[in-house]
Amino acid sequence: MKSNLVFSYILLEFQIFYTKNLVMAQPQPRRFAQIVHLKPSAVAAYKECHANVWPEILQKIKECNIVDYSIYFDNDRTLFATFKYIGTDIEADMKNMASLPKMKEWWAMTDGMQESPIPGAVSSAEGPGWWKPLEEVFHTD
């Protein structure tokens, strides 16, 4: 009886240790928020293309460790995007995303509907960036 109790205790300790280390080994999601301006003449087209995102785009976003991705429109020109990055090498994942020809085609289409708030911005595919990153000032789970 005592050996069963000892075995159960050791098993429980192992499960606790394993669970803690498994949870700690998982990368913690990094939250991102950004804005860009929408051309007034492009509101309907922008909403339409995002109601029918190409499957290759959705697959590549997922493959590049981006989850919980949303874009909001404030009806005054500003698009606000938020997402979580769950990978461990964002630079490599962003290069992977940019390597997809369909992604470049998507960016060219949507960039034409937008105006970047970043001085010197050329496009989503090149330059200093297209969407302006925002600083997180509050978060709660």
C-alpha atoms as a PDB file:
ATOM      1  CA  MET A   1       0.000   0.000   0.000  1.00  0.00           C
ATOM      2  CA  LYS A   2       2.812   2.360   0.936  1.00  0.00           C
ATOM      3  CA  SER A   3       4.624   1.705  -2.365  1.00  0.00           C
ATOM      4  CA  ASN A   4       1.459   2.607  -4.329  1.00  0.00           C
ATOM      5  CA  LEU A   5       1.213   5.869  -2.412  1.00  0.00           C
ATOM      6  CA  VAL A   6       4.874   6.679  -3.059  1.00  0.00           C
ATOM      7  CA  PHE A   7       4.478   5.818  -6.749  1.00  0.00           C
ATOM      8  CA  SER A   8       1.372   8.025  -6.989  1.00  0.00           C
ATOM      9  CA  TYR A   9       3.230  10.891  -5.328  1.00  0.00           C
ATOM     10  CA  ILE A  10       6.214  10.540  -7.686  1.00  0.00           C
ATOM     11  CA  LEU A  11       3.882  10.396 -10.683  1.00  0.00           C
ATOM     12  CA  LEU A  12       2.066  13.521  -9.494  1.00  0.00           C
ATOM     13  CA  GLU A  13       5.360  15.384  -8.998  1.00  0.00           C
ATOM     14  CA  PHE A  14       6.488  14.372 -12.477  1.00  0.00           C
ATOM     15  CA  GLN A  15       3.211  15.570 -14.014  1.00  0.00           C
ATOM     16  CA  ILE A  16       3.503  18.928 -12.246  1.00  0.00           C
ATOM     17  CA  PHE A  17       7.147  19.320 -13.317  1.00  0.00           C
ATOM     18  CA  TYR A  18       6.360  18.311 -16.912  1.00  0.00           C
ATOM     19  CA  THR A  19       3.359  20.643 -17.155  1.00  0.00           C
ATOM     20  CA  LYS A  20       5.272  23.621 -15.738  1.00  0.00           C
ATOM     21  CA  ASN A  21       8.183  23.088 -18.097  1.00  0.00           C
ATOM     22  CA  LEU A  22       5.951  22.490 -21.089  1.00  0.00           C
ATOM     23  CA  VAL A  23       4.057  25.728 -20.425  1.00  0.00           C
ATOM     24  CA  MET A  24       7.269  27.657 -19.798  1.00  0.00           C
ATOM     25  CA  ALA A  25       8.819  26.293 -23.006  1.00  0.00           C
ATOM     26  CA  GLN A  26       6.019  27.695 -25.146  1.00  0.00           C
ATOM     27  CA  PRO A  27       6.779  31.169 -26.545  1.00  0.00           C
ATOM     28  CA  GLN A  28       4.543  33.809 -25.048  1.00  0.00           C
ATOM     29  CA  PRO A  29       2.430  35.604 -27.668  1.00  0.00           C
ATOM     30  CA  ARG A  30       3.569  39.105 -28.567  1.00  0.00           C
ATOM     31  CA  ARG A  31       0.756  41.541 -29.284  1.00  0.00           C
ATOM     32  CA  PHE A  32       0.995  44.050 -32.117  1.00  0.00           C
ATOM     33  CA  ALA A  33      -1.197  46.980 -33.103  1.00  0.00           C
ATOM     34  CA  GLN A  34      -0.788  49.263 -36.091  1.00  0.00           C
ATOM     35  CA  ILE A  35      -2.609  51.812 -38.219  1.00  0.00           C
ATOM     36  CA  VAL A  36      -2.761  52.935 -41.818  1.00  0.00           C
ATOM     37  CA  HIS A  37      -5.168  55.312 -43.585  1.00  0.00           C
ATOM     38  CA  LEU A  38      -7.722  54.183 -46.131  1.00  0.00           C
ATOM     39  CA  LYS A  39      -8.378  56.294 -49.217  1.00  0.00           C
ATOM     40  CA  PRO A  40     -12.010  57.513 -49.061  1.00  0.00           C
ATOM     41  CA  SER A  41     -12.667  56.180 -52.563  1.00  0.00           C
ATOM     42  CA  ALA A  42     -11.492  52.684 -51.572  1.00  0.00           C
ATOM     43  CA  VAL A  43     -13.693  51.868 -48.564  1.00  0.00           C
ATOM     44  CA  ALA A  44     -16.093  49.526 -50.373  1.00  0.00           C
ATOM     45  CA  ALA A  45     -13.336  47.755 -52.332  1.00  0.00           C
ATOM     46  CA  TYR A  46     -11.203  47.291 -49.201  1.00  0.00           C
ATOM     47  CA  LYS A  47     -14.086  45.795 -47.250  1.00  0.00           C
ATOM     48  CA  GLU A  48     -14.969  43.540 -50.194  1.00  0.00           C
ATOM     49  CA  CYS A  49     -11.465  42.123 -50.632  1.00  0.00           C
ATOM     50  CA  HIS A  50     -11.200  41.472 -46.887  1.00  0.00           C
ATOM     51  CA  ALA A  51     -14.564  39.711 -46.920  1.00  0.00           C
ATOM     52  CA  ASN A  52     -12.997  37.337 -49.476  1.00  0.00           C
ATOM     53  CA  VAL A  53      -9.329  37.007 -48.522  1.00  0.00           C
ATOM     54  CA  TRP A  54      -7.455  34.668 -50.822  1.00  0.00           C
ATOM     55  CA  PRO A  55      -6.837  31.254 -49.221  1.00  0.00           C
ATOM     56  CA  GLU A  56      -3.078  31.478 -49.895  1.00  0.00           C
ATOM     57  CA  ILE A  57      -2.919  34.683 -47.839  1.00  0.00           C
ATOM     58  CA  LEU A  58      -4.749  33.170 -44.882  1.00  0.00           C
ATOM     59  CA  GLN A  59      -2.550  30.061 -45.011  1.00  0.00           C
ATOM     60  CA  LYS A  60       0.676  32.092 -45.121  1.00  0.00           C
ATOM     61  CA  ILE A  61      -0.421  34.294 -42.199  1.00  0.00           C
ATOM     62  CA  LYS A  62      -1.029  31.166 -40.136  1.00  0.00           C
ATOM     63  CA  GLU A  63       2.215  29.548 -41.314  1.00  0.00           C
ATOM     64  CA  CYS A  64       4.122  32.666 -40.207  1.00  0.00           C
ATOM     65  CA  ASN A  65       2.848  32.357 -36.620  1.00  0.00           C
ATOM     66  CA  ILE A  66       0.317  35.188 -36.708  1.00  0.00           C
ATOM     67  CA  VAL A  67      -2.948  34.512 -34.889  1.00  0.00           C
ATOM     68  CA  ASP A  68      -5.924  36.472 -33.609  1.00  0.00           C
ATOM     69  CA  TYR A  69      -5.550  38.972 -36.469  1.00  0.00           C
ATOM     70  CA  SER A  70      -8.248  41.641 -36.849  1.00  0.00           C
ATOM     71  CA  ILE A  71      -8.566  44.872 -38.819  1.00  0.00           C
ATOM     72  CA  TYR A  72     -10.994  47.582 -37.732  1.00  0.00           C
ATOM     73  CA  PHE A  73     -12.171  50.684 -39.618  1.00  0.00           C
ATOM     74  CA  ASP A  74     -13.174  53.852 -37.794  1.00  0.00           C
ATOM     75  CA  ASN A  75     -15.301  55.271 -40.661  1.00  0.00           C
ATOM     76  CA  ASP A  76     -12.991  58.276 -40.819  1.00  0.00           C
ATOM     77  CA  ARG A  77     -10.101  56.762 -42.833  1.00  0.00           C
ATOM     78  CA  THR A  78      -8.109  54.935 -40.169  1.00  0.00           C
ATOM     79  CA  LEU A  79      -7.608  51.175 -40.287  1.00  0.00           C
ATOM     80  CA  PHE A  80      -6.507  49.663 -36.985  1.00  0.00           C
ATOM     81  CA  ALA A  81      -4.980  46.174 -37.041  1.00  0.00           C
ATOM     82  CA  THR A  82      -4.151  43.952 -34.105  1.00  0.00           C
ATOM     83  CA  PHE A  83      -2.623  40.489 -34.010  1.00  0.00           C
ATOM     84  CA  LYS A  84      -0.563  38.138 -31.905  1.00  0.00           C
ATOM     85  CA  TYR A  85       2.760  36.651 -32.939  1.00  0.00           C
ATOM     86  CA  ILE A  86       3.357  33.200 -31.450  1.00  0.00           C
ATOM     87  CA  GLY A  87       6.650  32.290 -33.122  1.00  0.00           C
ATOM     88  CA  THR A  88      10.240  32.704 -32.000  1.00  0.00           C
ATOM     89  CA  ASP A  89      11.822  34.506 -34.990  1.00  0.00           C
ATOM     90  CA  ILE A  90       9.627  37.303 -36.309  1.00  0.00           C
ATOM     91  CA  GLU A  91      12.209  38.511 -38.841  1.00  0.00           C
ATOM     92  CA  ALA A  92      12.428  35.062 -40.451  1.00  0.00           C
ATOM     93  CA  ASP A  93       8.643  34.693 -40.427  1.00  0.00           C
ATOM     94  CA  MET A  94       8.153  38.109 -42.061  1.00  0.00           C
ATOM     95  CA  LYS A  95      10.715  37.206 -44.764  1.00  0.00           C
ATOM     96  CA  ASN A  96       8.820  33.949 -45.274  1.00  0.00           C
ATOM     97  CA  MET A  97       5.579  35.898 -45.638  1.00  0.00           C
ATOM     98  CA  ALA A  98       7.112  38.320 -48.145  1.00  0.00           C
ATOM     99  CA  SER A  99       8.466  35.407 -50.211  1.00  0.00           C
ATOM    100  CA  LEU A 100       4.988  34.347 -51.350  1.00  0.00           C
ATOM    101  CA  PRO A 101       4.231  35.885 -54.794  1.00  0.00           C
ATOM    102  CA  LYS A 102       0.494  35.927 -53.970  1.00  0.00           C
ATOM    103  CA  MET A 103       1.289  37.973 -50.825  1.00  0.00           C
ATOM    104  CA  LYS A 104       3.138  40.558 -52.916  1.00  0.00           C
ATOM    105  CA  GLU A 105       0.124  40.691 -55.226  1.00  0.00           C
ATOM    106  CA  TRP A 106      -2.206  41.117 -52.214  1.00  0.00           C
ATOM    107  CA  TRP A 107      -0.059  43.886 -50.750  1.00  0.00           C
ATOM    108  CA  ALA A 108       0.105  45.715 -54.105  1.00  0.00           C
ATOM    109  CA  MET A 109      -3.682  45.588 -54.351  1.00  0.00           C
ATOM    110  CA  THR A 110      -4.379  46.721 -50.775  1.00  0.00           C
ATOM    111  CA  ASP A 111      -1.543  49.291 -50.657  1.00  0.00           C
ATOM    112  CA  GLY A 112      -3.219  51.012 -53.599  1.00  0.00           C
ATOM    113  CA  MET A 113      -6.258  51.549 -51.375  1.00  0.00           C
ATOM    114  CA  GLN A 114      -4.251  52.955 -48.482  1.00  0.00           C
ATOM    115  CA  GLU A 115      -2.098  55.928 -47.502  1.00  0.00           C
ATOM    116  CA  SER A 116       0.741  55.234 -45.107  1.00  0.00           C
ATOM    117  CA  PRO A 117       1.257  57.551 -42.118  1.00  0.00           C
ATOM    118  CA  ILE A 118       4.994  56.716 -42.189  1.00  0.00           C
ATOM    119  CA  PRO A 119       7.214  59.316 -43.896  1.00  0.00           C
ATOM    120  CA  GLY A 120       9.049  57.800 -46.851  1.00  0.00           C
ATOM    121  CA  ALA A 121       6.892  54.679 -46.962  1.00  0.00           C
ATOM    122  CA  VAL A 122       6.920  53.049 -50.376  1.00  0.00           C
ATOM    123  CA  SER A 123       4.838  49.894 -49.934  1.00  0.00           C
ATOM    124  CA  SER A 124       4.188  46.929 -47.663  1.00  0.00           C
ATOM    125  CA  ALA A 125       6.884  45.010 -49.536  1.00  0.00           C
ATOM    126  CA  GLU A 126       9.690  47.583 -49.241  1.00  0.00           C
ATOM    127  CA  GLY A 127      10.802  50.725 -47.479  1.00  0.00           C
ATOM    128  CA  PRO A 128      10.605  51.698 -43.818  1.00  0.00           C
ATOM    129  CA  GLY A 129       7.230  50.061 -43.281  1.00  0.00           C
ATOM    130  CA  TRP A 130       3.702  50.782 -44.431  1.00  0.00           C
ATOM    131  CA  TRP A 131       1.522  50.374 -41.356  1.00  0.00           C
ATOM    132  CA  LYS A 132       2.511  52.535 -38.368  1.00  0.00           C
ATOM    133  CA  PRO A 133       3.231  50.457 -35.235  1.00  0.00           C
ATOM    134  CA  LEU A 134       1.475  51.575 -32.051  1.00  0.00           C
ATOM    135  CA  GLU A 135       2.754  51.498 -28.494  1.00  0.00           C
ATOM    136  CA  GLU A 136       0.772  49.355 -26.082  1.00  0.00           C
ATOM    137  CA  VAL A 137      -0.098  51.451 -23.039  1.00  0.00           C
ATOM    138  CA  PHE A 138      -2.487  49.060 -21.297  1.00  0.00           C
ATOM    139  CA  HIS A 139      -3.368  45.377 -21.338  1.00  0.00           C
ATOM    140  CA  THR A 140      -5.235  42.986 -19.073  1.00  0.00           C
ATOM    141  CA  ASP A 141      -6.119  39.322 -19.469  1.00  0.00           C
END
